[in-house]
Amino acid sequence: MNVREVVLSLVADTLQLDGTSQWDDETQLLGAIPEFDSMAVVNIITAIEENFGVTVDDDEISADTFENVGALVAFVAAKLQ
């Protein structure tokens, strides 16, 4: 399973965006994409939990986690270890 591809797919589905396949690790998320608001964060966390079978506690969530693609992918990868 390619964590990056799944995470990008979840973000694209949640935000109803096209073109995420061209995003790299430095692609900004929170604050850079109008659709990426607090409700999107909640929905993405829920999708991550459901798709990867992990639990994300409230105290694990910060703006840094959603700063860019690389940070979000690294967060999910760490949850899988």
N, C-alpha and C. Protein backbone atom coordinates (compact mmCIF):
# COMPACT_ATOMS: atom_id res chain seq x y z
N MET A 1 0.83 -1.18 0.00
CA MET A 1 0.00 0.00 0.00
C MET A 1 0.88 1.25 0.00
N ASN A 2 0.62 2.14 -0.90
CA ASN A 2 1.35 3.40 -0.97
C ASN A 2 0.58 4.44 -0.16
N VAL A 3 1.11 4.76 1.02
CA VAL A 3 0.43 5.67 1.94
C VAL A 3 0.18 7.02 1.28
N ARG A 4 1.16 7.52 0.57
CA ARG A 4 1.03 8.83 -0.06
C ARG A 4 -0.15 8.86 -1.04
N GLU A 5 -0.25 7.85 -1.87
CA GLU A 5 -1.33 7.80 -2.86
C GLU A 5 -2.71 7.72 -2.18
N VAL A 6 -2.81 6.92 -1.14
CA VAL A 6 -4.08 6.78 -0.44
C VAL A 6 -4.45 8.10 0.25
N VAL A 7 -3.49 8.74 0.90
CA VAL A 7 -3.75 10.01 1.57
C VAL A 7 -4.20 11.06 0.56
N LEU A 8 -3.50 11.15 -0.57
CA LEU A 8 -3.90 12.12 -1.60
C LEU A 8 -5.30 11.82 -2.13
N SER A 9 -5.61 10.56 -2.28
CA SER A 9 -6.94 10.18 -2.74
C SER A 9 -8.00 10.59 -1.72
N LEU A 10 -7.72 10.37 -0.44
CA LEU A 10 -8.66 10.77 0.61
C LEU A 10 -8.87 12.27 0.62
N VAL A 11 -7.79 13.03 0.48
CA VAL A 11 -7.89 14.49 0.46
C VAL A 11 -8.70 14.93 -0.76
N ALA A 12 -8.39 14.36 -1.91
CA ALA A 12 -9.10 14.73 -3.14
C ALA A 12 -10.59 14.41 -3.03
N ASP A 13 -10.91 13.24 -2.51
CA ASP A 13 -12.31 12.85 -2.37
C ASP A 13 -13.04 13.75 -1.37
N THR A 14 -12.41 14.01 -0.25
CA THR A 14 -13.03 14.82 0.80
C THR A 14 -13.27 16.25 0.33
N LEU A 15 -12.29 16.81 -0.36
CA LEU A 15 -12.40 18.21 -0.80
C LEU A 15 -13.01 18.34 -2.19
N GLN A 16 -13.28 17.20 -2.81
CA GLN A 16 -13.82 17.17 -4.17
C GLN A 16 -12.94 17.97 -5.13
N LEU A 17 -11.66 17.61 -5.12
CA LEU A 17 -10.66 18.28 -5.96
C LEU A 17 -10.13 17.34 -7.03
N ASP A 18 -9.69 17.90 -8.13
CA ASP A 18 -8.98 17.16 -9.17
C ASP A 18 -7.53 17.64 -9.19
N GLY A 19 -6.65 16.85 -9.75
CA GLY A 19 -5.28 17.28 -9.95
C GLY A 19 -4.34 17.06 -8.79
N THR A 20 -4.76 16.29 -7.77
CA THR A 20 -3.87 16.07 -6.64
C THR A 20 -2.70 15.16 -7.00
N SER A 21 -2.79 14.47 -8.11
CA SER A 21 -1.69 13.58 -8.51
C SER A 21 -0.42 14.37 -8.82
N GLN A 22 -0.56 15.65 -9.08
CA GLN A 22 0.60 16.50 -9.38
C GLN A 22 1.15 17.18 -8.13
N TRP A 23 0.53 16.95 -6.99
CA TRP A 23 1.00 17.55 -5.75
C TRP A 23 2.27 16.84 -5.29
N ASP A 24 3.19 17.59 -4.69
CA ASP A 24 4.37 16.98 -4.09
C ASP A 24 4.32 17.21 -2.58
N ASP A 25 5.36 16.80 -1.88
CA ASP A 25 5.38 16.89 -0.42
C ASP A 25 5.30 18.33 0.07
N GLU A 26 5.71 19.28 -0.73
CA GLU A 26 5.71 20.68 -0.31
C GLU A 26 4.39 21.40 -0.63
N THR A 27 3.46 20.73 -1.28
CA THR A 27 2.18 21.35 -1.61
C THR A 27 1.46 21.73 -0.32
N GLN A 28 1.19 23.02 -0.18
CA GLN A 28 0.53 23.54 1.02
C GLN A 28 -0.93 23.12 1.05
N LEU A 29 -1.43 22.83 2.25
CA LEU A 29 -2.82 22.42 2.42
C LEU A 29 -3.59 23.46 3.23
N LEU A 30 -3.51 23.36 4.54
CA LEU A 30 -4.28 24.23 5.43
C LEU A 30 -3.87 25.69 5.23
N GLY A 31 -4.84 26.51 4.88
CA GLY A 31 -4.58 27.92 4.64
C GLY A 31 -4.29 28.25 3.20
N ALA A 32 -3.98 27.25 2.39
CA ALA A 32 -3.65 27.49 0.99
C ALA A 32 -4.77 27.06 0.04
N ILE A 33 -5.60 26.15 0.49
CA ILE A 33 -6.70 25.64 -0.33
C ILE A 33 -8.00 26.06 0.35
N PRO A 34 -8.82 26.87 -0.31
CA PRO A 34 -10.04 27.38 0.32
C PRO A 34 -10.95 26.28 0.88
N GLU A 35 -11.01 25.15 0.21
CA GLU A 35 -11.87 24.05 0.66
C GLU A 35 -11.34 23.36 1.92
N PHE A 36 -10.08 23.59 2.23
CA PHE A 36 -9.44 22.91 3.37
C PHE A 36 -9.68 23.72 4.64
N ASP A 37 -10.88 23.53 5.20
CA ASP A 37 -11.25 24.25 6.42
C ASP A 37 -11.35 23.27 7.58
N SER A 38 -11.85 23.74 8.71
CA SER A 38 -11.91 22.89 9.90
C SER A 38 -12.79 21.66 9.70
N MET A 39 -13.88 21.80 8.96
CA MET A 39 -14.72 20.64 8.69
C MET A 39 -14.01 19.64 7.79
N ALA A 40 -13.23 20.13 6.85
CA ALA A 40 -12.45 19.24 5.99
C ALA A 40 -11.43 18.46 6.82
N VAL A 41 -10.82 19.12 7.80
CA VAL A 41 -9.86 18.44 8.67
C VAL A 41 -10.54 17.29 9.39
N VAL A 42 -11.71 17.54 9.95
CA VAL A 42 -12.46 16.49 10.65
C VAL A 42 -12.79 15.35 9.71
N ASN A 43 -13.25 15.68 8.52
CA ASN A 43 -13.60 14.64 7.54
C ASN A 43 -12.39 13.84 7.07
N ILE A 44 -11.27 14.50 6.90
CA ILE A 44 -10.05 13.80 6.48
C ILE A 44 -9.55 12.88 7.59
N ILE A 45 -9.61 13.36 8.82
CA ILE A 45 -9.21 12.50 9.95
C ILE A 45 -10.10 11.27 10.02
N THR A 46 -11.38 11.45 9.85
CA THR A 46 -12.32 10.32 9.86
C THR A 46 -11.98 9.35 8.73
N ALA A 47 -11.71 9.86 7.55
CA ALA A 47 -11.36 9.01 6.41
C ALA A 47 -10.06 8.26 6.67
N ILE A 48 -9.09 8.92 7.27
CA ILE A 48 -7.81 8.26 7.61
C ILE A 48 -8.07 7.12 8.59
N GLU A 49 -8.85 7.40 9.62
CA GLU A 49 -9.15 6.36 10.61
C GLU A 49 -9.83 5.16 9.97
N GLU A 50 -10.81 5.42 9.12
CA GLU A 50 -11.56 4.33 8.49
C GLU A 50 -10.72 3.55 7.48
N ASN A 51 -9.93 4.25 6.68
CA ASN A 51 -9.17 3.59 5.62
C ASN A 51 -7.93 2.87 6.12
N PHE A 52 -7.31 3.40 7.17
CA PHE A 52 -6.06 2.82 7.66
C PHE A 52 -6.26 2.02 8.95
N GLY A 53 -7.46 2.06 9.53
CA GLY A 53 -7.71 1.30 10.75
C GLY A 53 -6.93 1.82 11.94
N VAL A 54 -6.76 3.12 12.02
CA VAL A 54 -6.04 3.74 13.14
C VAL A 54 -7.00 4.64 13.90
N THR A 55 -6.57 5.06 15.08
CA THR A 55 -7.33 6.02 15.87
C THR A 55 -6.47 7.27 16.03
N VAL A 56 -7.06 8.42 15.78
CA VAL A 56 -6.36 9.70 15.93
C VAL A 56 -6.97 10.41 17.12
N ASP A 57 -6.17 10.60 18.15
CA ASP A 57 -6.63 11.30 19.35
C ASP A 57 -6.59 12.81 19.12
N ASP A 58 -7.47 13.53 19.81
CA ASP A 58 -7.54 14.98 19.66
C ASP A 58 -6.20 15.66 19.91
N ASP A 59 -5.44 15.17 20.89
CA ASP A 59 -4.18 15.83 21.22
C ASP A 59 -3.07 15.55 20.20
N GLU A 60 -3.33 14.69 19.23
CA GLU A 60 -2.36 14.42 18.17
C GLU A 60 -2.51 15.38 16.99
N ILE A 61 -3.59 16.11 16.98
CA ILE A 61 -3.91 16.95 15.83
C ILE A 61 -3.41 18.36 16.06
N SER A 62 -2.66 18.86 15.07
CA SER A 62 -2.21 20.25 15.12
C SER A 62 -2.19 20.80 13.70
N ALA A 63 -2.07 22.09 13.59
CA ALA A 63 -2.00 22.72 12.27
C ALA A 63 -0.78 22.22 11.51
N ASP A 64 0.29 21.89 12.22
CA ASP A 64 1.51 21.39 11.56
C ASP A 64 1.24 20.11 10.79
N THR A 65 0.35 19.27 11.30
CA THR A 65 0.02 18.01 10.65
C THR A 65 -0.58 18.24 9.27
N PHE A 66 -1.31 19.34 9.13
CA PHE A 66 -2.01 19.64 7.88
C PHE A 66 -1.37 20.78 7.11
N GLU A 67 -0.11 21.10 7.44
CA GLU A 67 0.58 22.20 6.77
C GLU A 67 0.78 21.92 5.29
N ASN A 68 1.26 20.71 4.99
CA ASN A 68 1.51 20.34 3.60
C ASN A 68 1.34 18.83 3.42
N VAL A 69 1.41 18.40 2.20
CA VAL A 69 1.21 16.98 1.88
C VAL A 69 2.22 16.10 2.63
N GLY A 70 3.47 16.50 2.63
CA GLY A 70 4.51 15.71 3.28
C GLY A 70 4.24 15.50 4.76
N ALA A 71 3.78 16.55 5.44
CA ALA A 71 3.49 16.45 6.87
C ALA A 71 2.32 15.51 7.13
N LEU A 72 1.30 15.59 6.31
CA LEU A 72 0.14 14.72 6.48
C LEU A 72 0.50 13.26 6.20
N VAL A 73 1.25 13.03 5.15
CA VAL A 73 1.68 11.66 4.82
C VAL A 73 2.57 11.11 5.94
N ALA A 74 3.47 11.92 6.46
CA ALA A 74 4.36 11.48 7.54
C ALA A 74 3.55 11.14 8.80
N PHE A 75 2.52 11.94 9.07
CA PHE A 75 1.66 11.69 10.22
C PHE A 75 0.98 10.31 10.09
N VAL A 76 0.41 10.07 8.92
CA VAL A 76 -0.29 8.79 8.70
C VAL A 76 0.70 7.64 8.76
N ALA A 77 1.86 7.78 8.14
CA ALA A 77 2.87 6.72 8.17
C ALA A 77 3.29 6.41 9.59
N ALA A 78 3.43 7.43 10.43
CA ALA A 78 3.81 7.21 11.84
C ALA A 78 2.70 6.48 12.59
N LYS A 79 1.45 6.76 12.26
CA LYS A 79 0.33 6.07 12.91
C LYS A 79 0.30 4.59 12.54
N LEU A 80 0.84 4.25 11.39
CA LEU A 80 0.82 2.86 10.93
C LEU A 80 1.93 2.01 11.53
N GLN A 81 2.87 2.63 12.21
CA GLN A 81 4.00 1.89 12.80
C GLN A 81 3.68 1.39 14.19
